[in-house]
Amino acid sequence: MMYASPLTVMAKVIKTKSVKYMPFWLSVANFLNGVCWTTYALIHPFDIYVLISNSIGAFSGLIQLTLYACYCGNKGQDKDDVESKPKEVELPTST
C-alpha cells in the first residue's frame, strides 16, 4: 500500500504537467527503500514475498523519478491555479 499511494499523485503530475504536488526527496526515499529491500531479499535467504512487493516499489519509485525528471522545469503554478485567481481588481466609482 505504501508503494501504491503515490499513483494518484503521479496521475496529477501527468495531468497538470507540474511536479508541484510530488516532493522530490520523498520519491528518492521511496525508490531507495525499494532497492534496499529488494537487494536484501536477493542476498539473504531468498524471500519471494519481500522480493515481489519491494521490487514493485523500486519500479514505482523509478517511474516517479522519471516523471520528476520530465516535468521538473514546471514547479510553479499549473492551469487550475492561474484560472482561479482574479487578474485585476475593479473598484466601484460613484458618478
N, C-alpha and C. Protein backbone atom coordinates (compact mmCIF):
# COMPACT_ATOMS: atom_id res chain seq x y z
N MET A 1 0.82 -1.20 0.00
CA MET A 1 0.00 0.00 0.00
C MET A 1 0.86 1.26 0.00
N MET A 2 2.02 1.19 0.66
CA MET A 2 2.89 2.37 0.71
C MET A 2 3.40 2.72 -0.69
N TYR A 3 3.69 1.73 -1.49
CA TYR A 3 4.22 1.99 -2.83
C TYR A 3 3.11 2.36 -3.82
N ALA A 4 1.88 1.98 -3.55
CA ALA A 4 0.79 2.28 -4.48
C ALA A 4 0.17 3.66 -4.23
N SER A 5 0.37 4.22 -3.06
CA SER A 5 -0.26 5.51 -2.75
C SER A 5 0.20 6.67 -3.63
N PRO A 6 1.44 6.72 -4.10
CA PRO A 6 1.82 7.84 -4.98
C PRO A 6 1.23 7.76 -6.39
N LEU A 7 0.49 6.73 -6.71
CA LEU A 7 -0.09 6.63 -8.06
C LEU A 7 -1.05 7.77 -8.35
N THR A 8 -1.80 8.22 -7.36
CA THR A 8 -2.73 9.33 -7.58
C THR A 8 -1.96 10.63 -7.83
N VAL A 9 -0.86 10.80 -7.11
CA VAL A 9 -0.04 11.99 -7.31
C VAL A 9 0.63 11.93 -8.69
N MET A 10 1.06 10.76 -9.11
CA MET A 10 1.67 10.62 -10.43
C MET A 10 0.66 10.94 -11.52
N ALA A 11 -0.59 10.56 -11.33
CA ALA A 11 -1.63 10.89 -12.31
C ALA A 11 -1.85 12.40 -12.36
N LYS A 12 -1.80 13.06 -11.20
CA LYS A 12 -1.97 14.51 -11.17
C LYS A 12 -0.79 15.22 -11.83
N VAL A 13 0.43 14.68 -11.66
CA VAL A 13 1.61 15.25 -12.31
C VAL A 13 1.48 15.16 -13.82
N ILE A 14 1.01 14.04 -14.31
CA ILE A 14 0.84 13.87 -15.76
C ILE A 14 -0.25 14.79 -16.28
N LYS A 15 -1.33 14.92 -15.52
CA LYS A 15 -2.46 15.75 -15.96
C LYS A 15 -2.09 17.23 -15.99
N THR A 16 -1.44 17.72 -14.92
CA THR A 16 -1.11 19.14 -14.83
C THR A 16 0.25 19.49 -15.43
N LYS A 17 1.07 18.46 -15.71
CA LYS A 17 2.43 18.67 -16.20
C LYS A 17 3.23 19.55 -15.25
N SER A 18 3.04 19.33 -13.95
CA SER A 18 3.72 20.09 -12.91
C SER A 18 4.08 19.14 -11.76
N VAL A 19 5.28 19.28 -11.23
CA VAL A 19 5.71 18.45 -10.10
C VAL A 19 5.45 19.13 -8.76
N LYS A 20 4.54 20.09 -8.78
CA LYS A 20 4.20 20.86 -7.58
C LYS A 20 3.70 19.96 -6.44
N TYR A 21 3.02 18.89 -6.77
CA TYR A 21 2.39 18.04 -5.76
C TYR A 21 3.21 16.80 -5.42
N MET A 22 4.41 16.65 -6.02
CA MET A 22 5.21 15.45 -5.78
C MET A 22 6.59 15.86 -5.25
N PRO A 23 6.84 15.70 -3.96
CA PRO A 23 8.13 16.08 -3.40
C PRO A 23 9.25 15.16 -3.90
N PHE A 24 10.36 15.79 -4.28
CA PHE A 24 11.49 15.04 -4.85
C PHE A 24 12.09 14.06 -3.85
N TRP A 25 12.36 14.52 -2.64
CA TRP A 25 13.05 13.66 -1.66
C TRP A 25 12.18 12.49 -1.21
N LEU A 26 10.89 12.64 -1.22
CA LEU A 26 10.01 11.52 -0.91
C LEU A 26 10.09 10.46 -2.01
N SER A 27 10.19 10.89 -3.25
CA SER A 27 10.33 9.95 -4.37
C SER A 27 11.68 9.23 -4.30
N VAL A 28 12.74 9.95 -3.94
CA VAL A 28 14.06 9.33 -3.81
C VAL A 28 14.05 8.31 -2.68
N ALA A 29 13.48 8.68 -1.56
CA ALA A 29 13.41 7.75 -0.42
C ALA A 29 12.59 6.51 -0.75
N ASN A 30 11.50 6.68 -1.48
CA ASN A 30 10.66 5.56 -1.90
C ASN A 30 11.46 4.60 -2.79
N PHE A 31 12.19 5.15 -3.74
CA PHE A 31 12.99 4.35 -4.65
C PHE A 31 14.11 3.61 -3.90
N LEU A 32 14.84 4.33 -3.05
CA LEU A 32 15.95 3.70 -2.33
C LEU A 32 15.48 2.64 -1.34
N ASN A 33 14.34 2.86 -0.72
CA ASN A 33 13.78 1.86 0.18
C ASN A 33 13.45 0.57 -0.57
N GLY A 34 12.83 0.72 -1.73
CA GLY A 34 12.51 -0.46 -2.54
C GLY A 34 13.75 -1.19 -3.01
N VAL A 35 14.78 -0.45 -3.40
CA VAL A 35 16.03 -1.07 -3.87
C VAL A 35 16.73 -1.80 -2.72
N CYS A 36 16.78 -1.18 -1.55
CA CYS A 36 17.45 -1.81 -0.40
C CYS A 36 16.77 -3.11 -0.01
N TRP A 37 15.45 -3.11 0.09
CA TRP A 37 14.74 -4.31 0.49
C TRP A 37 14.75 -5.38 -0.60
N THR A 38 14.76 -4.97 -1.85
CA THR A 38 14.88 -5.95 -2.94
C THR A 38 16.24 -6.62 -2.89
N THR A 39 17.28 -5.85 -2.66
CA THR A 39 18.63 -6.40 -2.53
C THR A 39 18.71 -7.35 -1.34
N TYR A 40 18.12 -6.96 -0.23
CA TYR A 40 18.09 -7.83 0.95
C TYR A 40 17.41 -9.16 0.64
N ALA A 41 16.31 -9.10 -0.07
CA ALA A 41 15.56 -10.33 -0.39
C ALA A 41 16.36 -11.24 -1.31
N LEU A 42 17.23 -10.67 -2.12
CA LEU A 42 18.03 -11.48 -3.05
C LEU A 42 19.27 -12.08 -2.40
N ILE A 43 19.94 -11.35 -1.48
CA ILE A 43 21.20 -11.85 -0.95
C ILE A 43 21.06 -12.62 0.37
N HIS A 44 20.08 -12.29 1.15
CA HIS A 44 19.83 -13.03 2.38
C HIS A 44 19.04 -14.28 2.00
N PRO A 45 18.58 -15.08 2.93
CA PRO A 45 17.77 -16.22 2.49
C PRO A 45 16.66 -15.75 1.57
N PHE A 46 16.63 -16.29 0.38
CA PHE A 46 15.72 -15.85 -0.67
C PHE A 46 14.29 -15.83 -0.16
N ASP A 47 13.67 -14.66 -0.19
CA ASP A 47 12.30 -14.48 0.28
C ASP A 47 11.47 -13.87 -0.84
N ILE A 48 10.63 -14.69 -1.44
CA ILE A 48 9.86 -14.27 -2.61
C ILE A 48 8.85 -13.18 -2.28
N TYR A 49 8.30 -13.18 -1.07
CA TYR A 49 7.30 -12.19 -0.70
C TYR A 49 7.91 -10.80 -0.55
N VAL A 50 9.06 -10.72 0.08
CA VAL A 50 9.76 -9.45 0.21
C VAL A 50 10.26 -8.99 -1.15
N LEU A 51 10.72 -9.92 -1.97
CA LEU A 51 11.25 -9.60 -3.29
C LEU A 51 10.18 -9.00 -4.20
N ILE A 52 9.03 -9.62 -4.28
CA ILE A 52 7.99 -9.15 -5.20
C ILE A 52 7.46 -7.78 -4.79
N SER A 53 7.08 -7.63 -3.54
CA SER A 53 6.48 -6.37 -3.12
C SER A 53 7.47 -5.20 -3.22
N ASN A 54 8.71 -5.42 -2.86
CA ASN A 54 9.66 -4.31 -2.87
C ASN A 54 10.26 -4.06 -4.25
N SER A 55 10.30 -5.06 -5.11
CA SER A 55 10.74 -4.77 -6.48
C SER A 55 9.67 -3.95 -7.21
N ILE A 56 8.41 -4.20 -6.91
CA ILE A 56 7.34 -3.35 -7.45
C ILE A 56 7.49 -1.93 -6.91
N GLY A 57 7.84 -1.80 -5.64
CA GLY A 57 8.07 -0.49 -5.04
C GLY A 57 9.26 0.24 -5.65
N ALA A 58 10.34 -0.49 -5.93
CA ALA A 58 11.50 0.13 -6.56
C ALA A 58 11.15 0.59 -7.97
N PHE A 59 10.37 -0.20 -8.68
CA PHE A 59 9.93 0.18 -10.03
C PHE A 59 9.03 1.41 -9.98
N SER A 60 8.12 1.45 -9.00
CA SER A 60 7.25 2.61 -8.82
C SER A 60 8.06 3.86 -8.50
N GLY A 61 9.07 3.73 -7.66
CA GLY A 61 9.94 4.86 -7.35
C GLY A 61 10.73 5.32 -8.56
N LEU A 62 11.15 4.39 -9.40
CA LEU A 62 11.85 4.75 -10.62
C LEU A 62 10.95 5.53 -11.56
N ILE A 63 9.70 5.13 -11.66
CA ILE A 63 8.74 5.85 -12.51
C ILE A 63 8.51 7.26 -11.95
N GLN A 64 8.42 7.39 -10.63
CA GLN A 64 8.25 8.71 -10.02
C GLN A 64 9.43 9.62 -10.33
N LEU A 65 10.65 9.08 -10.22
CA LEU A 65 11.82 9.89 -10.51
C LEU A 65 11.90 10.26 -11.99
N THR A 66 11.45 9.36 -12.86
CA THR A 66 11.41 9.66 -14.28
C THR A 66 10.41 10.78 -14.57
N LEU A 67 9.24 10.71 -13.95
CA LEU A 67 8.25 11.78 -14.11
C LEU A 67 8.80 13.10 -13.59
N TYR A 68 9.50 13.04 -12.47
CA TYR A 68 10.07 14.26 -11.91
C TYR A 68 11.09 14.85 -12.87
N ALA A 69 11.91 14.00 -13.48
CA ALA A 69 12.91 14.48 -14.44
C ALA A 69 12.25 15.09 -15.68
N CYS A 70 11.13 14.52 -16.10
CA CYS A 70 10.44 15.03 -17.29
C CYS A 70 9.79 16.38 -17.03
N TYR A 71 9.20 16.58 -15.86
CA TYR A 71 8.42 17.78 -15.58
C TYR A 71 9.07 18.69 -14.53
N CYS A 72 10.36 18.53 -14.27
CA CYS A 72 10.99 19.32 -13.20
C CYS A 72 11.09 20.80 -13.54
N GLY A 73 11.00 21.16 -14.80
CA GLY A 73 11.06 22.57 -15.16
C GLY A 73 9.80 23.33 -14.80
N ASN A 74 8.71 22.64 -14.55
CA ASN A 74 7.43 23.29 -14.26
C ASN A 74 7.06 23.01 -12.80
N LYS A 75 7.61 23.80 -11.89
CA LYS A 75 7.31 23.64 -10.46
C LYS A 75 6.34 24.69 -9.97
N GLY A 76 6.00 25.64 -10.81
CA GLY A 76 5.16 26.77 -10.40
C GLY A 76 3.69 26.45 -10.47
N GLN A 77 2.96 27.47 -10.91
CA GLN A 77 1.51 27.35 -10.97
C GLN A 77 1.10 26.52 -12.16
N ASP A 78 0.11 25.69 -11.95
CA ASP A 78 -0.46 24.94 -13.06
C ASP A 78 -1.70 25.68 -13.56
N LYS A 79 -2.38 25.12 -14.52
CA LYS A 79 -3.52 25.77 -15.16
C LYS A 79 -4.64 26.09 -14.18
N ASP A 80 -4.91 25.18 -13.25
CA ASP A 80 -6.01 25.37 -12.30
C ASP A 80 -5.77 26.59 -11.41
N ASP A 81 -4.52 26.78 -10.95
CA ASP A 81 -4.22 27.89 -10.06
C ASP A 81 -4.33 29.23 -10.79
N VAL A 82 -3.89 29.27 -12.03
CA VAL A 82 -3.90 30.52 -12.79
C VAL A 82 -5.32 30.96 -13.10
N GLU A 83 -6.19 30.03 -13.47
CA GLU A 83 -7.55 30.37 -13.85
C GLU A 83 -8.40 30.78 -12.66
N SER A 84 -8.10 30.29 -11.47
CA SER A 84 -8.94 30.57 -10.32
C SER A 84 -8.65 31.92 -9.68
N LYS A 85 -7.49 32.52 -9.96
CA LYS A 85 -7.14 33.79 -9.34
C LYS A 85 -7.58 34.96 -10.22
N PRO A 86 -8.14 36.00 -9.62
CA PRO A 86 -8.53 37.16 -10.43
C PRO A 86 -7.29 37.92 -10.90
N LYS A 87 -7.39 38.48 -12.09
CA LYS A 87 -6.26 39.19 -12.66
C LYS A 87 -6.23 40.65 -12.24
N GLU A 88 -7.39 41.28 -12.10
CA GLU A 88 -7.47 42.69 -11.73
C GLU A 88 -8.56 42.89 -10.70
N VAL A 89 -8.42 43.96 -9.97
CA VAL A 89 -9.44 44.33 -9.01
C VAL A 89 -10.08 45.63 -9.50
N GLU A 90 -11.38 45.61 -9.63
CA GLU A 90 -12.09 46.80 -10.08
C GLU A 90 -12.78 47.44 -8.88
N LEU A 91 -12.54 48.71 -8.72
CA LEU A 91 -13.18 49.44 -7.63
C LEU A 91 -14.41 50.17 -8.15
N PRO A 92 -15.46 50.19 -7.37
CA PRO A 92 -16.66 50.91 -7.82
C PRO A 92 -16.41 52.43 -7.79
N THR A 93 -16.92 53.07 -8.77
CA THR A 93 -16.78 54.53 -8.82
C THR A 93 -18.17 55.15 -8.72
N SER A 94 -18.24 56.25 -8.03
CA SER A 94 -19.53 56.95 -7.93
C SER A 94 -19.51 58.16 -8.86
N THR A 95 -20.57 58.36 -9.57
CA THR A 95 -20.65 59.46 -10.50
C THR A 95 -21.64 60.51 -10.09
